[in-house]
């Protein structure tokens, strides 16, 4: 996605940080998949997919499918992004945004990150691309060490995409399951970020 492109732009300057990020993310995916298979066992699906022969696409099919996807996006996704932007705007006016920054500053400190990182994470909660841009601006301003940048990007990667995605999960999975997934992702992002910071400190790792 676009936000991952921004995050990669930051990491590619530091090969060691990029390797740590890749190792942590792959390990988390494998661990969650393994635990999910153990905690929620089920019968493996019997599914064989026949690969269709390659052929030139029909122009009319391209137009029809593109039109259908655009209509779906305008009806389903665009209103959610507008809602998220509106909530951000209202939150800044009434002071709710500053309250959220204050509340998030403590867990951000546990990750070993500057307090200002809370702003990027809150923006990322409403619009993920805003969060990635916030980390980019902080890095360019020299507010991160390489270790801190790595921790911030690991946590941002595992963080829920945005509130729009959360609303879509609630719509598709139901309120209980959608909220549970959202809370789990936020908790996992901070636990992994905290563990990474603790590992850096204990083993005196400097990227």
N, C-alpha and C. Protein backbone atom coordinates (compact mmCIF):
# COMPACT_ATOMS: atom_id res chain seq x y z
N UNK A 1 0.84 -1.19 0.00
CA UNK A 1 0.00 0.00 0.00
C UNK A 1 0.88 1.24 0.00
N UNK A 2 0.25 2.39 -0.17
CA UNK A 2 1.00 3.65 -0.27
C UNK A 2 1.78 3.94 1.00
N UNK A 3 1.17 3.70 2.18
CA UNK A 3 1.86 4.01 3.42
C UNK A 3 3.08 3.13 3.64
N UNK A 4 3.00 1.86 3.21
CA UNK A 4 4.16 0.99 3.32
C UNK A 4 5.29 1.47 2.42
N UNK A 5 4.93 2.06 1.29
CA UNK A 5 5.94 2.64 0.41
C UNK A 5 6.70 3.75 1.10
N UNK A 6 5.99 4.59 1.85
CA UNK A 6 6.63 5.67 2.60
C UNK A 6 7.54 5.10 3.68
N UNK A 7 7.05 4.07 4.39
CA UNK A 7 7.84 3.46 5.45
C UNK A 7 9.09 2.79 4.89
N UNK A 8 8.97 2.14 3.74
CA UNK A 8 10.13 1.52 3.10
C UNK A 8 11.15 2.57 2.69
N UNK A 9 10.68 3.72 2.28
CA UNK A 9 11.59 4.81 1.90
C UNK A 9 12.49 5.19 3.08
N UNK A 10 11.93 5.13 4.28
CA UNK A 10 12.71 5.43 5.47
C UNK A 10 13.68 4.30 5.81
N UNK A 11 13.19 3.06 5.72
CA UNK A 11 14.00 1.92 6.14
C UNK A 11 15.12 1.58 5.18
N UNK A 12 14.91 1.84 3.89
CA UNK A 12 15.89 1.42 2.88
C UNK A 12 17.23 2.12 3.09
N UNK A 13 17.23 3.23 3.81
CA UNK A 13 18.49 3.94 4.09
C UNK A 13 19.33 3.20 5.13
N UNK A 14 18.69 2.28 5.87
CA UNK A 14 19.36 1.56 6.95
C UNK A 14 19.13 0.06 6.77
N UNK A 15 20.03 -0.63 6.06
CA UNK A 15 19.84 -2.07 5.77
C UNK A 15 19.62 -2.92 7.01
N UNK A 16 20.35 -2.64 8.10
CA UNK A 16 20.18 -3.43 9.32
C UNK A 16 18.78 -3.25 9.90
N UNK A 17 18.29 -2.02 9.88
CA UNK A 17 16.93 -1.76 10.37
C UNK A 17 15.90 -2.46 9.49
N UNK A 18 16.13 -2.47 8.19
CA UNK A 18 15.22 -3.14 7.27
C UNK A 18 15.18 -4.64 7.54
N UNK A 19 16.34 -5.24 7.83
CA UNK A 19 16.39 -6.67 8.13
C UNK A 19 15.67 -6.98 9.44
N UNK A 20 15.85 -6.12 10.44
CA UNK A 20 15.15 -6.32 11.72
C UNK A 20 13.65 -6.22 11.51
N UNK A 21 13.21 -5.21 10.76
CA UNK A 21 11.78 -5.06 10.47
C UNK A 21 11.23 -6.30 9.79
N UNK A 22 11.92 -6.78 8.76
CA UNK A 22 11.45 -7.96 8.04
C UNK A 22 11.40 -9.19 8.92
N UNK A 23 12.43 -9.37 9.76
CA UNK A 23 12.47 -10.53 10.65
C UNK A 23 11.31 -10.50 11.65
N UNK A 24 11.08 -9.33 12.25
CA UNK A 24 10.02 -9.21 13.25
C UNK A 24 8.65 -9.43 12.62
N UNK A 25 8.38 -8.81 11.48
CA UNK A 25 7.06 -8.92 10.85
C UNK A 25 6.80 -10.35 10.39
N UNK A 26 7.78 -10.99 9.76
CA UNK A 26 7.60 -12.38 9.30
C UNK A 26 7.39 -13.30 10.49
N UNK A 27 8.16 -13.09 11.57
CA UNK A 27 8.02 -13.92 12.78
C UNK A 27 6.62 -13.77 13.37
N UNK A 28 6.13 -12.54 13.44
CA UNK A 28 4.79 -12.31 14.00
C UNK A 28 3.72 -12.98 13.14
N UNK A 29 3.82 -12.86 11.83
CA UNK A 29 2.85 -13.49 10.93
C UNK A 29 2.84 -15.00 11.11
N UNK A 30 4.03 -15.61 11.17
CA UNK A 30 4.12 -17.07 11.33
C UNK A 30 3.59 -17.49 12.70
N UNK A 31 3.93 -16.73 13.74
CA UNK A 31 3.48 -17.06 15.09
C UNK A 31 1.97 -16.95 15.22
N UNK A 32 1.41 -15.86 14.71
CA UNK A 32 -0.05 -15.68 14.78
C UNK A 32 -0.76 -16.75 13.96
N UNK A 33 -0.22 -17.09 12.79
CA UNK A 33 -0.82 -18.14 11.98
C UNK A 33 -0.78 -19.49 12.68
N UNK A 34 0.35 -19.79 13.32
CA UNK A 34 0.49 -21.07 14.03
C UNK A 34 -0.47 -21.15 15.21
N UNK A 35 -0.49 -20.08 16.03
CA UNK A 35 -1.38 -20.07 17.19
C UNK A 35 -2.84 -20.08 16.77
N UNK A 36 -3.15 -19.37 15.67
CA UNK A 36 -4.52 -19.38 15.17
C UNK A 36 -4.97 -20.76 14.74
N UNK A 37 -4.06 -21.51 14.10
CA UNK A 37 -4.39 -22.87 13.67
C UNK A 37 -4.59 -23.80 14.87
N UNK A 38 -3.85 -23.54 15.96
CA UNK A 38 -3.98 -24.38 17.15
C UNK A 38 -5.22 -24.02 17.97
N UNK A 39 -5.48 -22.73 18.10
CA UNK A 39 -6.61 -22.29 18.92
C UNK A 39 -7.94 -22.41 18.19
N UNK A 40 -7.91 -22.25 16.87
CA UNK A 40 -9.14 -22.33 16.07
C UNK A 40 -8.97 -23.39 14.98
N UNK A 41 -8.87 -24.65 15.39
CA UNK A 41 -8.65 -25.71 14.40
C UNK A 41 -9.87 -25.91 13.51
N UNK A 42 -9.64 -26.42 12.35
CA UNK A 42 -10.73 -26.70 11.42
C UNK A 42 -10.25 -27.67 10.35
N UNK A 43 -11.17 -28.15 9.56
CA UNK A 43 -10.80 -29.06 8.49
C UNK A 43 -10.15 -28.29 7.35
N UNK A 44 -9.02 -28.76 6.85
CA UNK A 44 -8.38 -28.06 5.71
C UNK A 44 -9.28 -28.12 4.49
N UNK A 45 -9.42 -27.02 3.78
CA UNK A 45 -10.30 -27.00 2.61
C UNK A 45 -9.74 -27.85 1.47
N UNK A 46 -10.63 -28.56 0.81
CA UNK A 46 -10.25 -29.33 -0.37
C UNK A 46 -10.57 -28.46 -1.58
N UNK A 47 -9.55 -27.86 -2.13
CA UNK A 47 -9.79 -26.88 -3.18
C UNK A 47 -8.72 -27.00 -4.25
N UNK A 48 -9.16 -27.20 -5.45
CA UNK A 48 -8.24 -27.27 -6.59
C UNK A 48 -8.62 -26.16 -7.56
N UNK A 49 -7.66 -25.34 -7.89
CA UNK A 49 -7.94 -24.24 -8.79
C UNK A 49 -7.30 -24.51 -10.15
N UNK A 50 -8.11 -24.46 -11.15
CA UNK A 50 -7.61 -24.65 -12.51
C UNK A 50 -7.19 -23.29 -13.07
N UNK A 51 -5.94 -23.22 -13.49
CA UNK A 51 -5.43 -21.97 -14.03
C UNK A 51 -5.95 -21.81 -15.46
N UNK A 52 -6.69 -20.74 -15.72
CA UNK A 52 -7.24 -20.56 -17.07
C UNK A 52 -6.13 -20.20 -18.05
N UNK A 53 -6.33 -20.47 -19.31
CA UNK A 53 -5.32 -20.12 -20.31
C UNK A 53 -5.18 -18.61 -20.45
N UNK A 54 -3.97 -18.17 -20.74
CA UNK A 54 -3.74 -16.74 -20.93
C UNK A 54 -4.37 -16.28 -22.24
N UNK A 55 -5.00 -15.14 -22.18
CA UNK A 55 -5.61 -14.59 -23.38
C UNK A 55 -5.69 -13.08 -23.25
N UNK A 56 -5.84 -12.43 -24.36
CA UNK A 56 -5.98 -10.98 -24.33
C UNK A 56 -7.33 -10.60 -23.72
N UNK A 57 -7.34 -9.64 -22.80
CA UNK A 57 -8.62 -9.25 -22.18
C UNK A 57 -9.53 -8.55 -23.17
N UNK A 58 -10.82 -8.73 -22.93
CA UNK A 58 -11.82 -8.05 -23.75
C UNK A 58 -12.00 -6.63 -23.23
N UNK A 59 -11.93 -5.67 -24.13
CA UNK A 59 -12.00 -4.27 -23.73
C UNK A 59 -13.30 -3.95 -23.00
N UNK A 60 -14.41 -4.52 -23.46
CA UNK A 60 -15.70 -4.25 -22.82
C UNK A 60 -15.73 -4.77 -21.39
N UNK A 61 -15.09 -5.94 -21.15
CA UNK A 61 -15.04 -6.49 -19.79
C UNK A 61 -14.23 -5.59 -18.86
N UNK A 62 -13.14 -5.04 -19.40
CA UNK A 62 -12.31 -4.14 -18.60
C UNK A 62 -13.12 -2.91 -18.17
N UNK A 63 -13.85 -2.34 -19.12
CA UNK A 63 -14.66 -1.15 -18.82
C UNK A 63 -15.72 -1.47 -17.79
N UNK A 64 -16.42 -2.59 -17.96
CA UNK A 64 -17.51 -2.96 -17.04
C UNK A 64 -16.99 -3.19 -15.63
N UNK A 65 -15.89 -3.95 -15.51
CA UNK A 65 -15.35 -4.27 -14.18
C UNK A 65 -14.74 -3.04 -13.52
N UNK A 66 -14.08 -2.21 -14.30
CA UNK A 66 -13.51 -0.97 -13.74
C UNK A 66 -14.62 -0.06 -13.24
N UNK A 67 -15.67 0.06 -14.01
CA UNK A 67 -16.82 0.89 -13.61
C UNK A 67 -17.44 0.35 -12.32
N UNK A 68 -17.59 -0.98 -12.24
CA UNK A 68 -18.20 -1.58 -11.05
C UNK A 68 -17.34 -1.32 -9.81
N UNK A 69 -16.01 -1.41 -9.95
CA UNK A 69 -15.13 -1.18 -8.81
C UNK A 69 -15.15 0.29 -8.37
N UNK A 70 -15.21 1.18 -9.34
CA UNK A 70 -15.26 2.62 -9.01
C UNK A 70 -16.55 2.95 -8.27
N UNK A 71 -17.66 2.40 -8.76
CA UNK A 71 -18.95 2.64 -8.11
C UNK A 71 -18.94 2.10 -6.69
N UNK A 72 -18.39 0.88 -6.52
CA UNK A 72 -18.30 0.28 -5.18
C UNK A 72 -17.45 1.15 -4.26
N UNK A 73 -16.33 1.64 -4.76
CA UNK A 73 -15.44 2.47 -3.95
C UNK A 73 -16.14 3.76 -3.52
N UNK A 74 -16.82 4.40 -4.47
CA UNK A 74 -17.49 5.66 -4.16
C UNK A 74 -18.62 5.47 -3.15
N UNK A 75 -19.30 4.33 -3.21
CA UNK A 75 -20.43 4.08 -2.32
C UNK A 75 -19.99 3.58 -0.94
N UNK A 76 -18.99 2.69 -0.91
CA UNK A 76 -18.63 2.02 0.33
C UNK A 76 -17.45 2.66 1.06
N UNK A 77 -16.38 2.96 0.35
CA UNK A 77 -15.12 3.36 0.99
C UNK A 77 -14.98 4.87 1.13
N UNK A 78 -15.29 5.61 0.09
CA UNK A 78 -15.10 7.06 0.12
C UNK A 78 -15.84 7.72 1.28
N UNK A 79 -17.10 7.36 1.57
CA UNK A 79 -17.77 7.97 2.72
C UNK A 79 -17.04 7.73 4.04
N UNK A 80 -16.39 6.56 4.17
CA UNK A 80 -15.67 6.27 5.40
C UNK A 80 -14.44 7.17 5.55
N UNK A 81 -13.74 7.42 4.44
CA UNK A 81 -12.59 8.32 4.49
C UNK A 81 -13.03 9.75 4.80
N UNK A 82 -14.17 10.15 4.23
CA UNK A 82 -14.69 11.49 4.53
C UNK A 82 -15.06 11.59 6.00
N UNK A 83 -15.68 10.53 6.54
CA UNK A 83 -16.05 10.50 7.95
C UNK A 83 -14.81 10.60 8.84
N UNK A 84 -13.76 9.84 8.50
CA UNK A 84 -12.52 9.87 9.29
C UNK A 84 -11.90 11.26 9.27
N UNK A 85 -11.87 11.90 8.11
CA UNK A 85 -11.31 13.25 8.00
C UNK A 85 -12.15 14.25 8.80
N UNK A 86 -13.48 14.08 8.77
CA UNK A 86 -14.37 14.97 9.53
C UNK A 86 -14.15 14.81 11.03
N UNK A 87 -13.99 13.56 11.49
CA UNK A 87 -13.74 13.31 12.91
C UNK A 87 -12.43 13.95 13.34
N UNK A 88 -11.40 13.84 12.50
CA UNK A 88 -10.11 14.47 12.80
C UNK A 88 -10.27 15.99 12.93
N UNK A 89 -11.00 16.57 12.01
CA UNK A 89 -11.19 18.02 12.00
C UNK A 89 -11.94 18.48 13.24
N UNK A 90 -13.04 17.80 13.57
CA UNK A 90 -13.83 18.16 14.75
C UNK A 90 -13.00 17.93 16.02
N UNK A 91 -12.26 16.81 16.05
CA UNK A 91 -11.44 16.50 17.23
C UNK A 91 -10.40 17.56 17.52
N UNK A 92 -9.82 18.12 16.47
CA UNK A 92 -8.83 19.19 16.67
C UNK A 92 -9.49 20.48 17.17
N UNK A 93 -10.70 20.75 16.71
CA UNK A 93 -11.40 21.98 17.10
C UNK A 93 -11.83 21.93 18.57
N UNK A 94 -12.39 20.81 19.01
CA UNK A 94 -12.93 20.71 20.37
C UNK A 94 -11.89 20.28 21.40
N UNK A 95 -10.68 19.98 20.96
CA UNK A 95 -9.62 19.61 21.89
C UNK A 95 -9.52 18.13 22.17
N UNK A 96 -10.37 17.32 21.55
CA UNK A 96 -10.32 15.87 21.77
C UNK A 96 -9.01 15.28 21.27
N UNK A 97 -8.50 15.85 20.19
CA UNK A 97 -7.25 15.35 19.61
C UNK A 97 -6.10 15.49 20.61
N UNK A 98 -6.01 16.64 21.28
CA UNK A 98 -4.95 16.86 22.27
C UNK A 98 -5.09 15.91 23.45
N UNK A 99 -6.33 15.60 23.81
CA UNK A 99 -6.58 14.66 24.90
C UNK A 99 -6.10 13.26 24.52
N UNK A 100 -6.35 12.86 23.27
CA UNK A 100 -5.89 11.55 22.80
C UNK A 100 -4.37 11.48 22.76
N UNK A 101 -3.74 12.57 22.33
CA UNK A 101 -2.27 12.62 22.30
C UNK A 101 -1.71 12.46 23.71
N UNK A 102 -2.32 13.15 24.66
CA UNK A 102 -1.89 13.04 26.06
C UNK A 102 -2.06 11.61 26.57
N UNK A 103 -3.19 10.98 26.26
CA UNK A 103 -3.45 9.62 26.72
C UNK A 103 -2.52 8.59 26.10
N UNK A 104 -2.10 8.84 24.87
CA UNK A 104 -1.25 7.89 24.17
C UNK A 104 0.23 8.12 24.46
N UNK A 105 0.57 9.25 25.06
CA UNK A 105 1.98 9.58 25.28
C UNK A 105 2.67 8.58 26.21
N UNK A 106 1.93 8.04 27.20
CA UNK A 106 2.56 7.09 28.13
C UNK A 106 2.94 5.78 27.44
N UNK A 107 2.01 5.11 26.75
CA UNK A 107 2.44 3.89 26.04
C UNK A 107 3.51 4.16 24.98
N UNK A 108 3.49 5.34 24.38
CA UNK A 108 4.53 5.69 23.41
C UNK A 108 5.89 5.75 24.09
N UNK A 109 5.94 6.29 25.32
CA UNK A 109 7.20 6.33 26.07
C UNK A 109 7.70 4.93 26.37
N UNK A 110 6.78 3.99 26.64
CA UNK A 110 7.18 2.61 26.92
C UNK A 110 7.86 1.97 25.71
N UNK A 111 7.55 2.47 24.53
CA UNK A 111 8.20 1.97 23.31
C UNK A 111 9.56 2.63 23.10
N UNK A 112 9.90 3.59 23.96
CA UNK A 112 11.17 4.29 23.81
C UNK A 112 11.14 5.35 22.73
N UNK A 113 9.95 5.85 22.41
CA UNK A 113 9.80 6.82 21.32
C UNK A 113 9.51 8.21 21.88
N UNK A 114 9.81 9.26 21.12
CA UNK A 114 9.46 10.62 21.55
C UNK A 114 7.95 10.79 21.69
N UNK A 115 7.53 11.66 22.59
CA UNK A 115 6.10 11.87 22.82
C UNK A 115 5.37 12.31 21.56
N UNK A 116 6.06 13.07 20.70
CA UNK A 116 5.42 13.56 19.48
C UNK A 116 4.99 12.43 18.55
N UNK A 117 5.55 11.24 18.75
CA UNK A 117 5.16 10.10 17.92
C UNK A 117 3.69 9.77 18.10
N UNK A 118 3.13 10.13 19.26
CA UNK A 118 1.71 9.88 19.51
C UNK A 118 0.84 10.56 18.47
N UNK A 119 1.26 11.73 18.00
CA UNK A 119 0.50 12.46 16.98
C UNK A 119 0.42 11.63 15.70
N UNK A 120 1.56 11.07 15.28
CA UNK A 120 1.59 10.26 14.05
C UNK A 120 0.70 9.03 14.19
N UNK A 121 0.72 8.39 15.36
CA UNK A 121 -0.09 7.18 15.55
C UNK A 121 -1.58 7.51 15.56
N UNK A 122 -1.95 8.63 16.16
CA UNK A 122 -3.37 9.00 16.18
C UNK A 122 -3.84 9.38 14.79
N UNK A 123 -3.03 10.14 14.06
CA UNK A 123 -3.38 10.43 12.67
C UNK A 123 -3.47 9.14 11.87
N UNK A 124 -2.55 8.20 12.15
CA UNK A 124 -2.58 6.92 11.45
C UNK A 124 -3.81 6.10 11.78
N UNK A 125 -4.36 6.30 12.99
CA UNK A 125 -5.58 5.59 13.37
C UNK A 125 -6.75 6.03 12.51
N UNK A 126 -6.78 7.31 12.18
CA UNK A 126 -7.88 7.83 11.36
C UNK A 126 -7.58 7.72 9.87
N UNK A 127 -6.34 7.99 9.49
CA UNK A 127 -5.91 7.89 8.09
C UNK A 127 -4.49 7.36 8.07
N UNK A 128 -4.31 6.10 7.65
CA UNK A 128 -2.99 5.45 7.76
C UNK A 128 -1.90 6.22 7.02
N UNK A 129 -2.23 6.80 5.87
CA UNK A 129 -1.21 7.53 5.12
C UNK A 129 -0.73 8.77 5.89
N UNK A 130 -1.63 9.38 6.69
CA UNK A 130 -1.23 10.51 7.52
C UNK A 130 -0.20 10.07 8.56
N UNK A 131 -0.41 8.87 9.12
CA UNK A 131 0.52 8.35 10.12
C UNK A 131 1.91 8.12 9.54
N UNK A 132 1.96 7.50 8.36
CA UNK A 132 3.25 7.26 7.70
C UNK A 132 3.95 8.57 7.37
N UNK A 133 3.17 9.55 6.91
CA UNK A 133 3.75 10.87 6.60
C UNK A 133 4.27 11.54 7.86
N UNK A 134 3.58 11.33 8.98
CA UNK A 134 4.03 11.90 10.25
C UNK A 134 5.38 11.34 10.68
N UNK A 135 5.56 10.03 10.54
CA UNK A 135 6.85 9.41 10.86
C UNK A 135 7.94 9.93 9.93
N UNK A 136 7.59 10.10 8.67
CA UNK A 136 8.55 10.61 7.69
C UNK A 136 9.02 12.02 8.07
N UNK A 137 8.08 12.87 8.44
CA UNK A 137 8.42 14.24 8.83
C UNK A 137 9.29 14.27 10.08
N UNK A 138 8.97 13.41 11.06
CA UNK A 138 9.75 13.36 12.29
C UNK A 138 11.17 12.88 12.02
N UNK A 139 11.30 11.91 11.13
CA UNK A 139 12.63 11.41 10.79
C UNK A 139 13.45 12.50 10.10
N UNK A 140 12.83 13.21 9.18
CA UNK A 140 13.54 14.27 8.47
C UNK A 140 13.94 15.41 9.41
N UNK A 141 13.17 15.57 10.49
CA UNK A 141 13.49 16.61 11.47
C UNK A 141 14.55 16.15 12.47
N UNK A 142 15.01 14.90 12.34
CA UNK A 142 16.05 14.38 13.21
C UNK A 142 15.57 14.01 14.60
N UNK A 143 14.29 13.67 14.75
CA UNK A 143 13.72 13.35 16.06
C UNK A 143 13.86 11.89 16.43
N UNK A 144 14.29 11.04 15.49
CA UNK A 144 14.43 9.61 15.74
C UNK A 144 15.89 9.18 15.65
N UNK A 145 16.29 8.26 16.53
CA UNK A 145 17.48 7.47 16.28
C UNK A 145 17.06 6.33 15.34
N UNK A 146 18.03 5.59 14.82
CA UNK A 146 17.68 4.48 13.93
C UNK A 146 16.89 3.42 14.69
N UNK A 147 17.27 3.16 15.94
CA UNK A 147 16.52 2.20 16.76
C UNK A 147 15.07 2.64 16.93
N UNK A 148 14.87 3.91 17.26
CA UNK A 148 13.52 4.43 17.45
C UNK A 148 12.71 4.38 16.16
N UNK A 149 13.36 4.71 15.06
CA UNK A 149 12.68 4.66 13.77
C UNK A 149 12.22 3.24 13.46
N UNK A 150 13.07 2.26 13.74
CA UNK A 150 12.73 0.85 13.50
C UNK A 150 11.54 0.43 14.35
N UNK A 151 11.55 0.79 15.62
CA UNK A 151 10.45 0.45 16.52
C UNK A 151 9.15 1.11 16.07
N UNK A 152 9.23 2.38 15.70
CA UNK A 152 8.04 3.11 15.26
C UNK A 152 7.44 2.48 14.01
N UNK A 153 8.28 2.08 13.06
CA UNK A 153 7.78 1.52 11.80
C UNK A 153 7.23 0.12 12.02
N UNK A 154 7.86 -0.68 12.89
CA UNK A 154 7.32 -2.00 13.22
C UNK A 154 5.93 -1.86 13.83
N UNK A 155 5.80 -0.95 14.79
CA UNK A 155 4.50 -0.74 15.45
C UNK A 155 3.46 -0.21 14.48
N UNK A 156 3.86 0.73 13.61
CA UNK A 156 2.94 1.30 12.64
C UNK A 156 2.48 0.24 11.63
N UNK A 157 3.39 -0.67 11.25
CA UNK A 157 3.03 -1.74 10.31
C UNK A 157 1.97 -2.65 10.89
N UNK A 158 2.09 -2.98 12.17
CA UNK A 158 1.14 -3.89 12.82
C UNK A 158 -0.12 -3.18 13.29
N UNK A 159 -0.08 -1.86 13.32
CA UNK A 159 -1.23 -1.06 13.75
C UNK A 159 -2.37 -1.25 12.75
N UNK A 160 -3.65 -1.23 13.20
CA UNK A 160 -4.76 -1.32 12.25
C UNK A 160 -4.64 -0.25 11.17
N UNK A 161 -5.02 -0.60 9.95
CA UNK A 161 -4.81 0.29 8.80
C UNK A 161 -5.37 1.68 9.05
N UNK A 162 -6.64 1.77 9.43
CA UNK A 162 -7.26 3.06 9.74
C UNK A 162 -8.67 2.78 10.24
N UNK A 163 -9.34 3.84 10.69
CA UNK A 163 -10.69 3.67 11.22
C UNK A 163 -11.65 3.21 10.13
N UNK A 164 -11.37 3.60 8.88
CA UNK A 164 -12.23 3.16 7.77
C UNK A 164 -12.19 1.64 7.63
N UNK A 165 -10.99 1.07 7.77
CA UNK A 165 -10.88 -0.38 7.70
C UNK A 165 -11.60 -1.02 8.88
N UNK A 166 -11.50 -0.38 10.06
CA UNK A 166 -12.20 -0.90 11.22
C UNK A 166 -13.70 -0.94 11.02
N UNK A 167 -14.25 0.11 10.42
CA UNK A 167 -15.69 0.14 10.15
C UNK A 167 -16.08 -0.93 9.13
N UNK A 168 -15.21 -1.17 8.15
CA UNK A 168 -15.48 -2.22 7.17
C UNK A 168 -15.45 -3.60 7.83
N UNK A 169 -14.53 -3.81 8.77
CA UNK A 169 -14.46 -5.08 9.48
C UNK A 169 -15.72 -5.31 10.30
N UNK A 170 -16.18 -4.25 10.97
CA UNK A 170 -17.42 -4.36 11.74
C UNK A 170 -18.59 -4.70 10.83
N UNK A 171 -18.61 -4.10 9.66
CA UNK A 171 -19.69 -4.35 8.71
C UNK A 171 -19.66 -5.78 8.18
N UNK A 172 -18.45 -6.30 7.91
CA UNK A 172 -18.32 -7.62 7.30
C UNK A 172 -18.33 -8.74 8.33
N UNK A 173 -17.73 -8.50 9.51
CA UNK A 173 -17.56 -9.55 10.51
C UNK A 173 -18.53 -9.46 11.67
N UNK A 174 -19.23 -8.33 11.78
CA UNK A 174 -20.09 -8.12 12.93
C UNK A 174 -19.38 -7.27 13.97
N UNK A 175 -20.16 -6.68 14.87
CA UNK A 175 -19.60 -5.74 15.84
C UNK A 175 -18.58 -6.40 16.77
N UNK A 176 -18.94 -7.54 17.36
CA UNK A 176 -18.05 -8.16 18.35
C UNK A 176 -16.73 -8.58 17.72
N UNK A 177 -16.80 -9.29 16.61
CA UNK A 177 -15.59 -9.78 15.96
C UNK A 177 -14.75 -8.63 15.42
N UNK A 178 -15.40 -7.65 14.80
CA UNK A 178 -14.68 -6.51 14.24
C UNK A 178 -13.94 -5.72 15.30
N UNK A 179 -14.62 -5.42 16.41
CA UNK A 179 -13.99 -4.68 17.51
C UNK A 179 -12.88 -5.50 18.14
N UNK A 180 -13.11 -6.82 18.29
CA UNK A 180 -12.09 -7.70 18.88
C UNK A 180 -10.82 -7.72 18.04
N UNK A 181 -10.97 -7.82 16.72
CA UNK A 181 -9.81 -7.82 15.82
C UNK A 181 -9.07 -6.49 15.91
N UNK A 182 -9.83 -5.41 15.95
CA UNK A 182 -9.23 -4.07 16.01
C UNK A 182 -8.42 -3.90 17.29
N UNK A 183 -9.00 -4.28 18.43
CA UNK A 183 -8.32 -4.16 19.72
C UNK A 183 -7.09 -5.06 19.76
N UNK A 184 -7.23 -6.27 19.22
CA UNK A 184 -6.09 -7.20 19.20
C UNK A 184 -4.93 -6.63 18.40
N UNK A 185 -5.21 -6.03 17.26
CA UNK A 185 -4.15 -5.46 16.42
C UNK A 185 -3.43 -4.32 17.12
N UNK A 186 -4.20 -3.44 17.79
CA UNK A 186 -3.59 -2.33 18.51
C UNK A 186 -2.71 -2.85 19.65
N UNK A 187 -3.24 -3.81 20.41
CA UNK A 187 -2.48 -4.38 21.53
C UNK A 187 -1.22 -5.07 21.04
N UNK A 188 -1.35 -5.86 19.98
CA UNK A 188 -0.19 -6.58 19.43
C UNK A 188 0.87 -5.61 18.94
N UNK A 189 0.45 -4.51 18.30
CA UNK A 189 1.41 -3.53 17.78
C UNK A 189 2.26 -2.94 18.90
N UNK A 190 1.62 -2.61 20.03
CA UNK A 190 2.36 -2.01 21.13
C UNK A 190 3.21 -3.05 21.87
N UNK A 191 2.70 -4.27 22.01
CA UNK A 191 3.48 -5.32 22.68
C UNK A 191 4.74 -5.65 21.89
N UNK A 192 4.59 -5.78 20.59
CA UNK A 192 5.75 -6.09 19.74
C UNK A 192 6.74 -4.93 19.74
N UNK A 193 6.23 -3.70 19.67
CA UNK A 193 7.11 -2.53 19.72
C UNK A 193 7.87 -2.45 21.04
N UNK A 194 7.16 -2.71 22.15
CA UNK A 194 7.79 -2.70 23.47
C UNK A 194 8.84 -3.80 23.57
N UNK A 195 8.52 -4.99 23.08
CA UNK A 195 9.47 -6.12 23.13
C UNK A 195 10.71 -5.83 22.30
N UNK A 196 10.51 -5.20 21.15
CA UNK A 196 11.66 -4.85 20.30
C UNK A 196 12.56 -3.85 20.99
N UNK A 197 11.96 -2.84 21.61
CA UNK A 197 12.74 -1.84 22.35
C UNK A 197 13.50 -2.47 23.50
N UNK A 198 12.82 -3.38 24.23
CA UNK A 198 13.46 -4.06 25.36
C UNK A 198 14.63 -4.91 24.89
N UNK A 199 14.47 -5.57 23.75
CA UNK A 199 15.56 -6.38 23.18
C UNK A 199 16.75 -5.51 22.82
N UNK A 200 16.49 -4.36 22.21
CA UNK A 200 17.58 -3.44 21.87
C UNK A 200 18.35 -3.00 23.11
N UNK A 201 17.60 -2.73 24.20
CA UNK A 201 18.23 -2.25 25.43
C UNK A 201 19.04 -3.36 26.11
N UNK A 202 18.43 -4.54 26.25
CA UNK A 202 19.08 -5.65 26.96
C UNK A 202 20.35 -6.11 26.26
N UNK A 203 20.30 -6.19 24.93
CA UNK A 203 21.45 -6.68 24.18
C UNK A 203 22.32 -5.55 23.63
N UNK A 204 22.00 -4.31 24.04
CA UNK A 204 22.78 -3.14 23.63
C UNK A 204 22.98 -3.08 22.11
N UNK A 205 21.86 -3.21 21.41
CA UNK A 205 21.88 -3.20 19.95
C UNK A 205 21.70 -1.77 19.46
N UNK A 206 22.58 -1.35 18.59
CA UNK A 206 22.48 -0.02 17.98
C UNK A 206 22.55 -0.19 16.47
N UNK A 207 21.45 0.07 15.80
CA UNK A 207 21.39 -0.14 14.35
C UNK A 207 22.06 1.02 13.60
